[in-house]
Amino acid sequence: MDIASFKVIVFIIAALVAVATSVLMVTRKNPVHSALWMIVTFFAVAVIYLLLNAQFIAVAQVMVYAGAIMMLILFVIMLVHMERGEEGEAGKARRSAKTRIAWALLTIVLFVEVLFGALFFRMTGRIGAYPAEMVNKVGNVKTIGSLLYGQYLFPFEIASILLLVGIVGAVVIVKRK
């Protein structure tokens, strides 16, 4: 078995794991179990990034999403004290058949959109500003760093300010109680 076929097999396995665990994540009733399935999904996506020679993004995926973001999500879940039987009969009565049909239709529409996007996607063949040869010569980290702190500095700073506002808002909400 050569390295290309091995990469294809690992890619298929990682993709199937990512799809299966993401479905398990959204179908679990217990939010802690959903968060754990999300961690497995993040690791499967990191493996896919590694196969695409995007080592920096794979490491960032594991450190930022599977590490920091999931710790925040688990912290919020524990802070809110989500219990299984909290909804009761009143909550079940609120979910009518019309609501379930509307959500099912929305799910079908989104699935069809993704299917059309996957079936009719065409590669343009145009070489971008950073072709693969240049990225391999310079390195992933240097290329991403020059883009992030050069061309996309303003959106990066706006995102950091939005995250800071979200953290301050969460602290204010928690302090009220």
N, C-alpha and C. Protein backbone atom coordinates (compact mmCIF):
# COMPACT_ATOMS: atom_id res chain seq x y z
N MET A 1 0.85 -1.17 0.00
CA MET A 1 0.00 0.00 0.00
C MET A 1 0.90 1.24 0.00
N ASP A 2 0.66 2.14 -0.93
CA ASP A 2 1.47 3.35 -0.99
C ASP A 2 0.87 4.43 -0.08
N ILE A 3 1.60 5.54 0.05
CA ILE A 3 1.21 6.59 0.97
C ILE A 3 -0.08 7.29 0.53
N ALA A 4 -0.31 7.41 -0.77
CA ALA A 4 -1.51 8.09 -1.27
C ALA A 4 -2.77 7.31 -0.92
N SER A 5 -2.75 6.00 -1.10
CA SER A 5 -3.93 5.21 -0.76
C SER A 5 -4.14 5.16 0.75
N PHE A 6 -3.04 5.18 1.52
CA PHE A 6 -3.17 5.23 2.97
C PHE A 6 -3.83 6.54 3.40
N LYS A 7 -3.43 7.66 2.78
CA LYS A 7 -4.04 8.95 3.11
C LYS A 7 -5.53 8.97 2.74
N VAL A 8 -5.88 8.34 1.63
CA VAL A 8 -7.29 8.28 1.22
C VAL A 8 -8.11 7.49 2.24
N ILE A 9 -7.55 6.37 2.69
CA ILE A 9 -8.26 5.55 3.69
C ILE A 9 -8.43 6.30 5.00
N VAL A 10 -7.37 6.97 5.45
CA VAL A 10 -7.45 7.74 6.70
C VAL A 10 -8.43 8.89 6.54
N PHE A 11 -8.43 9.53 5.37
CA PHE A 11 -9.37 10.63 5.12
C PHE A 11 -10.81 10.13 5.19
N ILE A 12 -11.09 9.01 4.55
CA ILE A 12 -12.45 8.47 4.55
C ILE A 12 -12.88 8.11 5.97
N ILE A 13 -11.99 7.50 6.73
CA ILE A 13 -12.32 7.14 8.12
C ILE A 13 -12.56 8.39 8.95
N ALA A 14 -11.68 9.40 8.82
CA ALA A 14 -11.85 10.64 9.59
C ALA A 14 -13.13 11.36 9.19
N ALA A 15 -13.46 11.37 7.90
CA ALA A 15 -14.68 12.02 7.45
C ALA A 15 -15.93 11.30 7.98
N LEU A 16 -15.91 9.97 7.95
CA LEU A 16 -17.05 9.21 8.48
C LEU A 16 -17.19 9.42 9.98
N VAL A 17 -16.06 9.45 10.69
CA VAL A 17 -16.11 9.71 12.14
C VAL A 17 -16.66 11.11 12.41
N ALA A 18 -16.22 12.11 11.63
CA ALA A 18 -16.70 13.48 11.82
C ALA A 18 -18.21 13.57 11.57
N VAL A 19 -18.68 12.93 10.52
CA VAL A 19 -20.11 12.98 10.21
C VAL A 19 -20.92 12.24 11.28
N ALA A 20 -20.46 11.05 11.66
CA ALA A 20 -21.20 10.25 12.65
C ALA A 20 -21.24 10.95 14.01
N THR A 21 -20.10 11.49 14.45
CA THR A 21 -20.09 12.12 15.76
C THR A 21 -20.83 13.45 15.76
N SER A 22 -20.87 14.14 14.62
CA SER A 22 -21.67 15.37 14.59
C SER A 22 -23.16 15.06 14.63
N VAL A 23 -23.57 13.96 14.00
CA VAL A 23 -24.97 13.55 14.11
C VAL A 23 -25.28 13.14 15.55
N LEU A 24 -24.38 12.40 16.18
CA LEU A 24 -24.58 12.02 17.58
C LEU A 24 -24.62 13.26 18.47
N MET A 25 -23.82 14.26 18.14
CA MET A 25 -23.78 15.48 18.94
C MET A 25 -25.13 16.19 18.94
N VAL A 26 -25.76 16.30 17.79
CA VAL A 26 -27.02 17.06 17.74
C VAL A 26 -28.23 16.23 18.14
N THR A 27 -28.09 14.91 18.27
CA THR A 27 -29.23 14.09 18.64
C THR A 27 -29.26 13.70 20.12
N ARG A 28 -28.23 14.02 20.87
CA ARG A 28 -28.21 13.68 22.29
C ARG A 28 -29.04 14.67 23.09
N LYS A 29 -29.74 14.15 24.10
CA LYS A 29 -30.53 15.02 24.97
C LYS A 29 -29.68 15.61 26.09
N ASN A 30 -28.69 14.86 26.53
CA ASN A 30 -27.81 15.33 27.60
C ASN A 30 -26.77 16.27 26.99
N PRO A 31 -26.70 17.53 27.46
CA PRO A 31 -25.76 18.48 26.86
C PRO A 31 -24.29 18.11 27.09
N VAL A 32 -23.99 17.42 28.17
CA VAL A 32 -22.61 17.01 28.41
C VAL A 32 -22.20 15.96 27.38
N HIS A 33 -23.08 15.02 27.09
CA HIS A 33 -22.78 14.02 26.06
C HIS A 33 -22.61 14.69 24.69
N SER A 34 -23.44 15.69 24.40
CA SER A 34 -23.29 16.42 23.14
C SER A 34 -21.93 17.11 23.07
N ALA A 35 -21.51 17.70 24.16
CA ALA A 35 -20.20 18.37 24.19
C ALA A 35 -19.07 17.37 23.98
N LEU A 36 -19.19 16.19 24.55
CA LEU A 36 -18.14 15.17 24.36
C LEU A 36 -18.09 14.69 22.92
N TRP A 37 -19.25 14.52 22.29
CA TRP A 37 -19.25 14.14 20.88
C TRP A 37 -18.68 15.25 20.02
N MET A 38 -18.89 16.50 20.43
CA MET A 38 -18.32 17.61 19.69
C MET A 38 -16.79 17.60 19.74
N ILE A 39 -16.23 17.20 20.88
CA ILE A 39 -14.78 17.10 20.99
C ILE A 39 -14.25 16.05 20.00
N VAL A 40 -14.92 14.91 19.90
CA VAL A 40 -14.50 13.88 18.95
C VAL A 40 -14.59 14.41 17.52
N THR A 41 -15.63 15.18 17.22
CA THR A 41 -15.77 15.79 15.90
C THR A 41 -14.61 16.74 15.61
N PHE A 42 -14.24 17.54 16.60
CA PHE A 42 -13.12 18.47 16.41
C PHE A 42 -11.82 17.72 16.12
N PHE A 43 -11.59 16.62 16.81
CA PHE A 43 -10.37 15.84 16.57
C PHE A 43 -10.39 15.21 15.18
N ALA A 44 -11.53 14.74 14.73
CA ALA A 44 -11.62 14.17 13.38
C ALA A 44 -11.35 15.23 12.32
N VAL A 45 -11.86 16.44 12.54
CA VAL A 45 -11.59 17.53 11.60
C VAL A 45 -10.11 17.90 11.62
N ALA A 46 -9.49 17.84 12.79
CA ALA A 46 -8.05 18.11 12.88
C ALA A 46 -7.24 17.09 12.08
N VAL A 47 -7.66 15.83 12.09
CA VAL A 47 -6.98 14.80 11.29
C VAL A 47 -7.13 15.12 9.81
N ILE A 48 -8.29 15.58 9.41
CA ILE A 48 -8.49 15.96 8.00
C ILE A 48 -7.57 17.12 7.63
N TYR A 49 -7.43 18.10 8.53
CA TYR A 49 -6.50 19.21 8.27
C TYR A 49 -5.07 18.71 8.13
N LEU A 50 -4.68 17.76 8.96
CA LEU A 50 -3.33 17.21 8.85
C LEU A 50 -3.12 16.53 7.50
N LEU A 51 -4.12 15.83 7.03
CA LEU A 51 -4.00 15.17 5.73
C LEU A 51 -3.90 16.18 4.58
N LEU A 52 -4.42 17.38 4.79
CA LEU A 52 -4.37 18.42 3.77
C LEU A 52 -3.12 19.30 3.91
N ASN A 53 -2.16 18.85 4.72
CA ASN A 53 -0.91 19.58 4.97
C ASN A 53 -1.13 20.96 5.58
N ALA A 54 -2.14 21.10 6.40
CA ALA A 54 -2.41 22.34 7.12
C ALA A 54 -2.16 22.08 8.60
N GLN A 55 -0.89 21.88 8.94
CA GLN A 55 -0.54 21.49 10.30
C GLN A 55 -0.89 22.56 11.32
N PHE A 56 -0.67 23.82 10.96
CA PHE A 56 -0.98 24.90 11.89
C PHE A 56 -2.47 24.95 12.22
N ILE A 57 -3.29 24.81 11.19
CA ILE A 57 -4.74 24.85 11.42
C ILE A 57 -5.18 23.63 12.22
N ALA A 58 -4.55 22.48 11.99
CA ALA A 58 -4.90 21.28 12.77
C ALA A 58 -4.57 21.47 14.24
N VAL A 59 -3.40 22.03 14.53
CA VAL A 59 -3.02 22.26 15.92
C VAL A 59 -3.92 23.32 16.55
N ALA A 60 -4.23 24.37 15.79
CA ALA A 60 -5.14 25.40 16.30
C ALA A 60 -6.53 24.82 16.55
N GLN A 61 -6.97 23.92 15.67
CA GLN A 61 -8.27 23.26 15.84
C GLN A 61 -8.31 22.53 17.18
N VAL A 62 -7.26 21.79 17.48
CA VAL A 62 -7.24 21.02 18.73
C VAL A 62 -7.12 21.94 19.93
N MET A 63 -6.20 22.90 19.85
CA MET A 63 -5.96 23.77 21.01
C MET A 63 -7.12 24.72 21.28
N VAL A 64 -7.61 25.38 20.22
CA VAL A 64 -8.63 26.41 20.42
C VAL A 64 -10.00 25.79 20.61
N TYR A 65 -10.42 24.93 19.68
CA TYR A 65 -11.78 24.41 19.75
C TYR A 65 -11.92 23.27 20.74
N ALA A 66 -11.12 22.22 20.57
CA ALA A 66 -11.26 21.07 21.47
C ALA A 66 -10.78 21.41 22.87
N GLY A 67 -9.91 22.38 22.99
CA GLY A 67 -9.41 22.76 24.31
C GLY A 67 -10.23 23.86 24.94
N ALA A 68 -10.00 25.08 24.48
CA ALA A 68 -10.57 26.26 25.15
C ALA A 68 -12.07 26.38 24.98
N ILE A 69 -12.57 26.27 23.76
CA ILE A 69 -14.00 26.47 23.53
C ILE A 69 -14.81 25.39 24.24
N MET A 70 -14.36 24.14 24.16
CA MET A 70 -15.12 23.07 24.82
C MET A 70 -15.09 23.22 26.34
N MET A 71 -14.00 23.72 26.88
CA MET A 71 -13.98 23.97 28.33
C MET A 71 -14.99 25.06 28.70
N LEU A 72 -15.08 26.08 27.86
CA LEU A 72 -16.08 27.12 28.11
C LEU A 72 -17.50 26.58 28.01
N ILE A 73 -17.75 25.75 27.00
CA ILE A 73 -19.08 25.18 26.84
C ILE A 73 -19.43 24.29 28.03
N LEU A 74 -18.50 23.44 28.43
CA LEU A 74 -18.76 22.58 29.60
C LEU A 74 -18.94 23.41 30.87
N PHE A 75 -18.18 24.49 31.01
CA PHE A 75 -18.33 25.37 32.16
C PHE A 75 -19.72 25.99 32.18
N VAL A 76 -20.20 26.45 31.04
CA VAL A 76 -21.54 27.04 30.96
C VAL A 76 -22.61 26.00 31.26
N ILE A 77 -22.43 24.78 30.74
CA ILE A 77 -23.40 23.72 31.00
C ILE A 77 -23.48 23.44 32.49
N MET A 78 -22.34 23.35 33.14
CA MET A 78 -22.33 23.09 34.58
C MET A 78 -22.87 24.28 35.37
N LEU A 79 -22.62 25.49 34.86
CA LEU A 79 -23.07 26.69 35.55
C LEU A 79 -24.58 26.84 35.49
N VAL A 80 -25.16 26.48 34.37
CA VAL A 80 -26.59 26.66 34.18
C VAL A 80 -27.39 25.55 34.88
N HIS A 81 -26.74 24.45 35.18
CA HIS A 81 -27.38 23.30 35.85
C HIS A 81 -28.52 22.75 35.00
N MET A 82 -28.23 22.42 33.78
CA MET A 82 -29.26 21.85 32.91
C MET A 82 -29.58 20.44 33.40
N GLU A 83 -30.82 20.25 33.72
CA GLU A 83 -31.25 18.95 34.19
C GLU A 83 -32.11 18.29 33.14
N ARG A 84 -32.15 16.99 33.16
CA ARG A 84 -32.88 16.24 32.13
C ARG A 84 -34.37 16.47 32.19
N GLY A 85 -34.97 16.42 33.33
CA GLY A 85 -36.42 16.49 33.44
C GLY A 85 -36.93 17.89 33.68
N GLU A 86 -36.16 18.91 33.36
CA GLU A 86 -36.52 20.28 33.65
C GLU A 86 -37.73 20.76 32.86
N GLU A 87 -37.86 20.27 31.64
CA GLU A 87 -38.90 20.76 30.75
C GLU A 87 -40.29 20.30 31.20
N GLY A 88 -40.43 19.05 31.52
CA GLY A 88 -41.70 18.53 32.00
C GLY A 88 -42.76 18.47 30.92
N GLU A 89 -44.02 18.31 31.37
CA GLU A 89 -45.14 18.19 30.43
C GLU A 89 -45.48 19.52 29.77
N ALA A 90 -45.28 20.62 30.46
CA ALA A 90 -45.61 21.93 29.88
C ALA A 90 -44.73 22.22 28.67
N GLY A 91 -43.46 21.88 28.76
CA GLY A 91 -42.56 22.11 27.64
C GLY A 91 -42.86 21.22 26.46
N LYS A 92 -43.25 19.99 26.74
CA LYS A 92 -43.60 19.07 25.65
C LYS A 92 -44.88 19.51 24.95
N ALA A 93 -45.82 20.09 25.70
CA ALA A 93 -47.07 20.53 25.12
C ALA A 93 -46.84 21.73 24.20
N ARG A 94 -45.81 22.56 24.51
CA ARG A 94 -45.52 23.73 23.69
C ARG A 94 -45.04 23.33 22.30
N ARG A 95 -44.35 22.21 22.22
CA ARG A 95 -43.85 21.76 20.92
C ARG A 95 -44.99 21.08 20.18
N SER A 96 -45.59 21.81 19.30
CA SER A 96 -46.74 21.27 18.57
C SER A 96 -46.28 20.52 17.33
N ALA A 97 -47.23 19.91 16.68
CA ALA A 97 -46.93 19.18 15.45
C ALA A 97 -46.50 20.16 14.36
N LYS A 98 -47.07 21.36 14.34
CA LYS A 98 -46.68 22.35 13.34
C LYS A 98 -45.21 22.74 13.50
N THR A 99 -44.78 22.89 14.72
CA THR A 99 -43.39 23.25 14.96
C THR A 99 -42.45 22.14 14.50
N ARG A 100 -42.79 20.92 14.80
CA ARG A 100 -41.96 19.80 14.37
C ARG A 100 -41.91 19.69 12.84
N ILE A 101 -43.03 19.93 12.19
CA ILE A 101 -43.06 19.89 10.73
C ILE A 101 -42.20 21.02 10.15
N ALA A 102 -42.28 22.20 10.77
CA ALA A 102 -41.49 23.33 10.28
C ALA A 102 -39.99 23.03 10.42
N TRP A 103 -39.58 22.46 11.55
CA TRP A 103 -38.16 22.12 11.73
C TRP A 103 -37.74 21.02 10.77
N ALA A 104 -38.60 20.07 10.52
CA ALA A 104 -38.26 18.99 9.58
C ALA A 104 -38.10 19.55 8.17
N LEU A 105 -39.00 20.45 7.76
CA LEU A 105 -38.88 21.08 6.44
C LEU A 105 -37.61 21.91 6.32
N LEU A 106 -37.29 22.66 7.37
CA LEU A 106 -36.06 23.44 7.36
C LEU A 106 -34.83 22.54 7.25
N THR A 107 -34.84 21.43 7.94
CA THR A 107 -33.74 20.48 7.86
C THR A 107 -33.60 19.91 6.45
N ILE A 108 -34.71 19.58 5.84
CA ILE A 108 -34.68 19.03 4.48
C ILE A 108 -34.16 20.08 3.50
N VAL A 109 -34.60 21.33 3.64
CA VAL A 109 -34.15 22.40 2.74
C VAL A 109 -32.63 22.60 2.89
N LEU A 110 -32.13 22.65 4.11
CA LEU A 110 -30.70 22.82 4.32
C LEU A 110 -29.91 21.64 3.78
N PHE A 111 -30.42 20.43 3.94
CA PHE A 111 -29.74 19.25 3.41
C PHE A 111 -29.69 19.30 1.88
N VAL A 112 -30.78 19.71 1.24
CA VAL A 112 -30.80 19.82 -0.22
C VAL A 112 -29.82 20.89 -0.69
N GLU A 113 -29.71 22.00 0.04
CA GLU A 113 -28.75 23.03 -0.33
C GLU A 113 -27.32 22.50 -0.26
N VAL A 114 -26.99 21.79 0.78
CA VAL A 114 -25.65 21.21 0.90
C VAL A 114 -25.41 20.19 -0.20
N LEU A 115 -26.41 19.40 -0.52
CA LEU A 115 -26.29 18.40 -1.58
C LEU A 115 -26.04 19.07 -2.94
N PHE A 116 -26.81 20.13 -3.25
CA PHE A 116 -26.59 20.85 -4.50
C PHE A 116 -25.21 21.48 -4.54
N GLY A 117 -24.77 22.03 -3.42
CA GLY A 117 -23.44 22.63 -3.37
C GLY A 117 -22.35 21.60 -3.62
N ALA A 118 -22.53 20.40 -3.08
CA ALA A 118 -21.53 19.35 -3.26
C ALA A 118 -21.56 18.79 -4.68
N LEU A 119 -22.74 18.68 -5.26
CA LEU A 119 -22.84 18.10 -6.61
C LEU A 119 -22.42 19.06 -7.71
N PHE A 120 -22.70 20.34 -7.55
CA PHE A 120 -22.45 21.28 -8.63
C PHE A 120 -21.24 22.18 -8.40
N PHE A 121 -20.41 21.85 -7.44
CA PHE A 121 -19.20 22.63 -7.17
C PHE A 121 -18.19 22.37 -8.28
N ARG A 122 -17.64 23.43 -8.81
CA ARG A 122 -16.65 23.31 -9.87
C ARG A 122 -15.38 24.04 -9.44
N MET A 123 -14.25 23.36 -9.60
CA MET A 123 -12.96 24.00 -9.34
C MET A 123 -12.68 24.95 -10.50
N THR A 124 -12.27 26.15 -10.19
CA THR A 124 -12.01 27.12 -11.25
C THR A 124 -10.64 26.93 -11.88
N GLY A 125 -9.73 26.34 -11.17
CA GLY A 125 -8.40 26.12 -11.71
C GLY A 125 -7.52 27.36 -11.62
N ARG A 126 -8.05 28.47 -11.13
CA ARG A 126 -7.24 29.67 -11.00
C ARG A 126 -6.32 29.54 -9.80
N ILE A 127 -5.12 30.02 -9.94
CA ILE A 127 -4.16 30.01 -8.85
C ILE A 127 -4.35 31.29 -8.06
N GLY A 128 -4.46 31.16 -6.76
CA GLY A 128 -4.69 32.31 -5.91
C GLY A 128 -3.42 33.07 -5.61
N ALA A 129 -3.53 34.00 -4.68
CA ALA A 129 -2.38 34.82 -4.31
C ALA A 129 -1.32 34.00 -3.59
N TYR A 130 -1.73 32.91 -2.96
CA TYR A 130 -0.81 32.05 -2.22
C TYR A 130 -0.93 30.63 -2.76
N PRO A 131 -0.26 30.31 -3.87
CA PRO A 131 -0.33 28.93 -4.39
C PRO A 131 0.36 27.95 -3.46
N ALA A 132 0.05 26.68 -3.65
CA ALA A 132 0.57 25.64 -2.75
C ALA A 132 2.09 25.60 -2.74
N GLU A 133 2.72 25.87 -3.87
CA GLU A 133 4.19 25.84 -3.92
C GLU A 133 4.79 26.90 -3.01
N MET A 134 4.19 28.10 -3.03
CA MET A 134 4.71 29.19 -2.21
C MET A 134 4.47 28.91 -0.72
N VAL A 135 3.30 28.39 -0.41
CA VAL A 135 3.01 28.07 0.99
C VAL A 135 3.96 26.99 1.50
N ASN A 136 4.24 25.98 0.69
CA ASN A 136 5.18 24.94 1.11
C ASN A 136 6.58 25.49 1.28
N LYS A 137 6.98 26.46 0.44
CA LYS A 137 8.32 27.03 0.54
C LYS A 137 8.44 27.93 1.77
N VAL A 138 7.43 28.78 1.98
CA VAL A 138 7.48 29.74 3.09
C VAL A 138 7.08 29.07 4.39
N GLY A 139 6.05 28.24 4.37
CA GLY A 139 5.53 27.58 5.57
C GLY A 139 4.13 28.05 5.89
N ASN A 140 3.37 27.15 6.48
CA ASN A 140 1.97 27.47 6.82
C ASN A 140 1.86 28.58 7.85
N VAL A 141 2.67 28.51 8.89
CA VAL A 141 2.56 29.48 9.98
C VAL A 141 2.90 30.88 9.50
N LYS A 142 3.95 31.01 8.72
CA LYS A 142 4.34 32.33 8.23
C LYS A 142 3.28 32.89 7.27
N THR A 143 2.73 32.06 6.42
CA THR A 143 1.70 32.52 5.49
C THR A 143 0.45 32.97 6.24
N ILE A 144 -0.01 32.16 7.20
CA ILE A 144 -1.20 32.51 7.97
C ILE A 144 -0.94 33.75 8.82
N GLY A 145 0.24 33.83 9.42
CA GLY A 145 0.57 34.99 10.23
C GLY A 145 0.62 36.27 9.43
N SER A 146 1.22 36.20 8.23
CA SER A 146 1.29 37.42 7.40
C SER A 146 -0.10 37.84 6.93
N LEU A 147 -0.96 36.91 6.65
CA LEU A 147 -2.33 37.27 6.26
C LEU A 147 -3.13 37.79 7.45
N LEU A 148 -3.02 37.11 8.58
CA LEU A 148 -3.82 37.46 9.75
C LEU A 148 -3.41 38.81 10.32
N TYR A 149 -2.11 39.07 10.39
CA TYR A 149 -1.65 40.33 10.96
C TYR A 149 -1.30 41.36 9.90
N GLY A 150 -1.62 41.09 8.66
CA GLY A 150 -1.38 42.03 7.57
C GLY A 150 -2.69 42.43 6.93
N GLN A 151 -3.11 41.64 5.96
CA GLN A 151 -4.30 41.95 5.18
C GLN A 151 -5.57 41.91 6.01
N TYR A 152 -5.67 40.98 6.97
CA TYR A 152 -6.90 40.81 7.74
C TYR A 152 -6.76 41.25 9.19
N LEU A 153 -5.92 42.26 9.44
CA LEU A 153 -5.72 42.72 10.81
C LEU A 153 -6.98 43.33 11.41
N PHE A 154 -7.68 44.18 10.65
CA PHE A 154 -8.88 44.84 11.17
C PHE A 154 -9.98 43.83 11.53
N PRO A 155 -10.34 42.86 10.64
CA PRO A 155 -11.35 41.87 11.05
C PRO A 155 -10.90 41.03 12.24
N PHE A 156 -9.59 40.74 12.32
CA PHE A 156 -9.06 39.98 13.46
C PHE A 156 -9.26 40.75 14.76
N GLU A 157 -8.98 42.05 14.74
CA GLU A 157 -9.15 42.87 15.94
C GLU A 157 -10.63 43.01 16.31
N ILE A 158 -11.50 43.15 15.31
CA ILE A 158 -12.94 43.22 15.58
C ILE A 158 -13.42 41.93 16.23
N ALA A 159 -12.95 40.78 15.73
CA ALA A 159 -13.34 39.49 16.31
C ALA A 159 -12.86 39.39 17.75
N SER A 160 -11.65 39.88 18.04
CA SER A 160 -11.16 39.81 19.42
C SER A 160 -11.97 40.72 20.33
N ILE A 161 -12.39 41.88 19.84
CA ILE A 161 -13.23 42.79 20.65
C ILE A 161 -14.59 42.15 20.90
N LEU A 162 -15.17 41.51 19.88
CA LEU A 162 -16.46 40.83 20.08
C LEU A 162 -16.35 39.71 21.10
N LEU A 163 -15.26 38.95 21.06
CA LEU A 163 -15.06 37.90 22.06
C LEU A 163 -14.91 38.49 23.46
N LEU A 164 -14.19 39.59 23.58
CA LEU A 164 -14.03 40.25 24.87
C LEU A 164 -15.36 40.74 25.41
N VAL A 165 -16.19 41.33 24.53
CA VAL A 165 -17.52 41.79 24.94
C VAL A 165 -18.37 40.60 25.40
N GLY A 166 -18.27 39.46 24.68
CA GLY A 166 -19.01 38.27 25.09
C GLY A 166 -18.59 37.75 26.45
N ILE A 167 -17.29 37.76 26.72
CA ILE A 167 -16.79 37.30 28.03
C ILE A 167 -17.26 38.24 29.13
N VAL A 168 -17.16 39.55 28.91
CA VAL A 168 -17.61 40.51 29.91
C VAL A 168 -19.11 40.36 30.14
N GLY A 169 -19.88 40.18 29.06
CA GLY A 169 -21.33 39.98 29.21
C GLY A 169 -21.66 38.73 30.00
N ALA A 170 -20.92 37.65 29.77
CA ALA A 170 -21.16 36.41 30.52
C ALA A 170 -20.85 36.61 32.00
N VAL A 171 -19.78 37.32 32.30
CA VAL A 171 -19.43 37.58 33.70
C VAL A 171 -20.50 38.45 34.37
N VAL A 172 -21.00 39.45 33.66
CA VAL A 172 -22.04 40.32 34.22
C VAL A 172 -23.31 39.53 34.49
N ILE A 173 -23.70 38.65 33.56
CA ILE A 173 -24.90 37.84 33.75
C ILE A 173 -24.74 36.91 34.94
N VAL A 174 -23.58 36.30 35.09
CA VAL A 174 -23.35 35.38 36.21
C VAL A 174 -23.31 36.13 37.53
N LYS A 175 -22.72 37.33 37.55
CA LYS A 175 -22.60 38.10 38.79
C LYS A 175 -23.94 38.58 39.31
N ARG A 176 -24.93 38.78 38.43
CA ARG A 176 -26.25 39.24 38.87
C ARG A 176 -26.87 38.27 39.84
N LYS A 177 -26.66 37.00 39.61
CA LYS A 177 -27.30 35.99 40.47
C LYS A 177 -26.42 35.78 41.68
